[in-house]
Protein backbone atom coordinates (compact mmCIF):
# COMPACT_ATOMS: atom_id res chain seq x y z
CA UNK A 1 0.00 0.00 0.00
CA UNK A 2 2.84 2.38 0.82
CA UNK A 3 4.29 1.97 -2.67
CA UNK A 4 0.92 2.80 -4.22
CA UNK A 5 0.62 5.91 -2.07
CA UNK A 6 4.18 6.93 -2.97
CA UNK A 7 3.33 6.62 -6.66
CA UNK A 8 0.00 8.41 -6.33
CA UNK A 9 -0.58 10.14 -2.98
CA UNK A 10 -3.96 11.42 -4.19
CA UNK A 11 -5.42 7.97 -4.89
CA UNK A 12 -8.18 8.00 -2.29
CA UNK A 13 -8.91 4.30 -2.62
CA UNK A 14 -5.38 3.45 -1.46
CA UNK A 15 -5.83 5.68 1.60
CA UNK A 16 -9.05 3.84 2.33
CA UNK A 17 -7.36 0.44 2.17
CA UNK A 18 -4.51 1.73 4.32
CA UNK A 19 -7.07 2.88 6.89
CA UNK A 20 -8.74 -0.53 6.85
CA UNK A 21 -5.39 -2.26 7.38
CA UNK A 22 -4.57 0.05 10.29
CA UNK A 23 -7.95 -0.73 11.86
CA UNK A 24 -7.21 -4.46 11.64
CA UNK A 25 -3.90 -3.82 13.44
CA UNK A 26 -5.56 -1.69 16.12
CA UNK A 27 -3.60 1.37 14.97
CA UNK A 28 -6.51 3.78 15.27
CA UNK A 29 -4.78 7.18 15.04
CA UNK A 30 -3.23 6.07 11.73
CA UNK A 31 -6.54 4.56 10.58
CA UNK A 32 -8.38 7.78 11.33
CA UNK A 33 -5.77 9.90 9.54
CA UNK A 34 -5.91 7.71 6.42
CA UNK A 35 -9.72 7.64 6.41
CA UNK A 36 -9.83 11.43 6.72
CA UNK A 37 -7.43 11.73 3.79
CA UNK A 38 -9.54 9.31 1.74
CA UNK A 39 -12.69 11.29 2.54
CA UNK A 40 -11.00 14.54 1.57
CA UNK A 41 -9.78 13.14 -1.76
CA UNK A 42 -12.82 11.07 -2.72
CA UNK A 43 -15.27 13.86 -3.32
CA UNK A 44 -18.69 12.24 -3.04
CA UNK A 45 -18.05 8.64 -1.97
CA UNK A 46 -19.63 7.46 1.27
CA UNK A 47 -17.12 4.61 1.69
CA UNK A 48 -14.41 6.71 3.36
CA UNK A 49 -17.01 8.37 5.59
CA UNK A 50 -18.23 4.97 6.78
CA UNK A 51 -14.68 3.78 7.35
CA UNK A 52 -13.82 6.95 9.26
CA UNK A 53 -16.90 6.53 11.44
CA UNK A 54 -15.98 2.91 12.11
CA UNK A 55 -12.38 3.83 13.02
CA UNK A 56 -13.56 6.62 15.30
CA UNK A 57 -16.00 4.25 17.00
CA UNK A 58 -13.38 1.56 17.53
CA UNK A 59 -10.92 4.12 18.92
CA UNK A 60 -13.46 5.18 21.56
CA UNK A 61 -14.43 8.46 19.90
CA UNK A 62 -18.11 7.65 19.95
CA UNK A 63 -19.41 11.21 19.68
CA UNK A 64 -17.32 11.77 16.56
CA UNK A 65 -18.51 8.45 15.10
CA UNK A 66 -22.11 9.46 15.73
CA UNK A 67 -21.42 12.78 14.01
CA UNK A 68 -20.39 10.80 10.91
CA UNK A 69 -23.71 8.92 11.05
CA UNK A 70 -25.56 12.24 11.32
CA UNK A 71 -23.59 13.54 8.35
CA UNK A 72 -24.58 10.52 6.28
CA UNK A 73 -28.22 10.87 7.30
CA UNK A 74 -28.17 14.54 6.30
CA UNK A 75 -26.50 13.66 3.00
CA UNK A 76 -29.21 11.05 2.40
CA UNK A 77 -31.76 13.87 2.07
CA UNK A 78 -29.84 15.09 -0.99
CA UNK A 79 -28.69 11.84 -2.61
CA UNK A 80 -28.52 8.09 -2.15
CA UNK A 81 -26.49 6.90 0.80
CA UNK A 82 -26.01 3.13 1.02
CA UNK A 83 -27.63 1.78 4.21
CA UNK A 84 -24.57 -0.50 4.44
CA UNK A 85 -22.45 2.59 5.19
CA UNK A 86 -24.61 3.60 8.14
CA UNK A 87 -24.77 0.01 9.40
CA UNK A 88 -20.98 -0.14 9.21
CA UNK A 89 -20.57 2.73 11.68
CA UNK A 90 -23.24 1.36 14.02
CA UNK A 91 -21.37 -1.94 13.99
CA UNK A 92 -18.19 -0.09 14.98
CA UNK A 93 -20.14 1.40 17.88
CA UNK A 94 -21.17 -2.15 18.88
CA UNK A 95 -24.83 -1.20 18.39
CA UNK A 96 -25.81 -4.56 16.99
CA UNK A 97 -29.55 -3.93 16.69
CA UNK A 98 -29.10 -0.67 14.79
CA UNK A 99 -26.43 -2.18 12.55
CA UNK A 100 -28.71 -5.08 11.68
CA UNK A 101 -31.69 -2.77 11.11
CA UNK A 102 -29.65 -0.75 8.61
CA UNK A 103 -28.42 -3.92 6.94
CA UNK A 104 -32.07 -4.94 6.56
CA UNK A 105 -32.70 -1.62 4.82
CA UNK A 106 -29.73 -2.36 2.61
CA UNK A 107 -31.24 -5.71 1.69
CA UNK A 108 -34.64 -4.15 0.98
CA UNK A 109 -33.07 -1.44 -1.19
CA UNK A 110 -30.76 -3.90 -2.94
CA UNK A 111 -27.72 -1.96 -1.78
CA UNK A 112 -24.82 -3.26 -3.92
CA UNK A 113 -22.45 -2.95 -0.96
CA UNK A 114 -24.22 -5.87 0.70
CA UNK A 115 -21.89 -8.17 -1.25
CA UNK A 116 -19.13 -7.15 1.16
CA UNK A 117 -20.88 -8.92 4.05
CA UNK A 118 -19.21 -12.12 2.93
CA UNK A 119 -15.62 -10.85 2.90
CA UNK A 120 -15.41 -7.83 5.20
CA UNK A 121 -13.83 -8.97 8.47
CA UNK A 122 -15.32 -6.03 10.35
CA UNK A 123 -18.64 -7.93 10.35
CA UNK A 124 -17.10 -10.95 12.12
CA UNK A 125 -18.63 -9.90 15.44
CA UNK A 126 -22.10 -10.46 13.96
CA UNK A 127 -21.51 -13.74 12.15
CA UNK A 128 -22.90 -15.82 15.04
CA UNK A 129 -26.07 -13.71 15.33
CA UNK A 130 -29.06 -15.61 13.87
CA UNK A 131 -30.41 -12.36 12.37
CA UNK A 132 -27.14 -11.80 10.51
CA UNK A 133 -27.09 -15.43 9.37
CA UNK A 134 -30.65 -15.10 8.05
CA UNK A 135 -29.79 -11.90 6.21
CA UNK A 136 -26.61 -13.51 4.88
CA UNK A 137 -28.66 -16.36 3.38
CA UNK A 138 -31.26 -13.99 1.92
CA UNK A 139 -28.53 -11.97 0.23
CA UNK A 140 -27.56 -15.23 -1.44
CA UNK A 141 -24.51 -16.39 0.48
CA UNK A 142 -23.81 -19.76 2.04
CA UNK A 143 -21.77 -20.15 5.20
């Protein structure tokens, strides 16, 4: 990832993946910095906003994470915001019921980001929940 960022420091997607990697390592200040950079560079994508909210939540900055949710909800009055993105932040806040409710909305709206439920490790905390398993099956995945 570092090589990619050296070659193109304005490639927001690389900053997003760097943030995700830092989250997995528990390096939250770095994850937050990379997610903020991705958000700044991405323009209109909600992915870096969701990742930033998740990183803030996991680092204990719950008020800031909730502010990212509020920002997405406000943005949703102007344009489509994937429910997956809002669920992602609620999951970071360990608000299981709200995360699952937003994932249900994602399913109902056919949110294309729902495909990431299968591979995104940040959903691992929900994999044993029967509601998640039911949703997982309805999306079309097998265990």
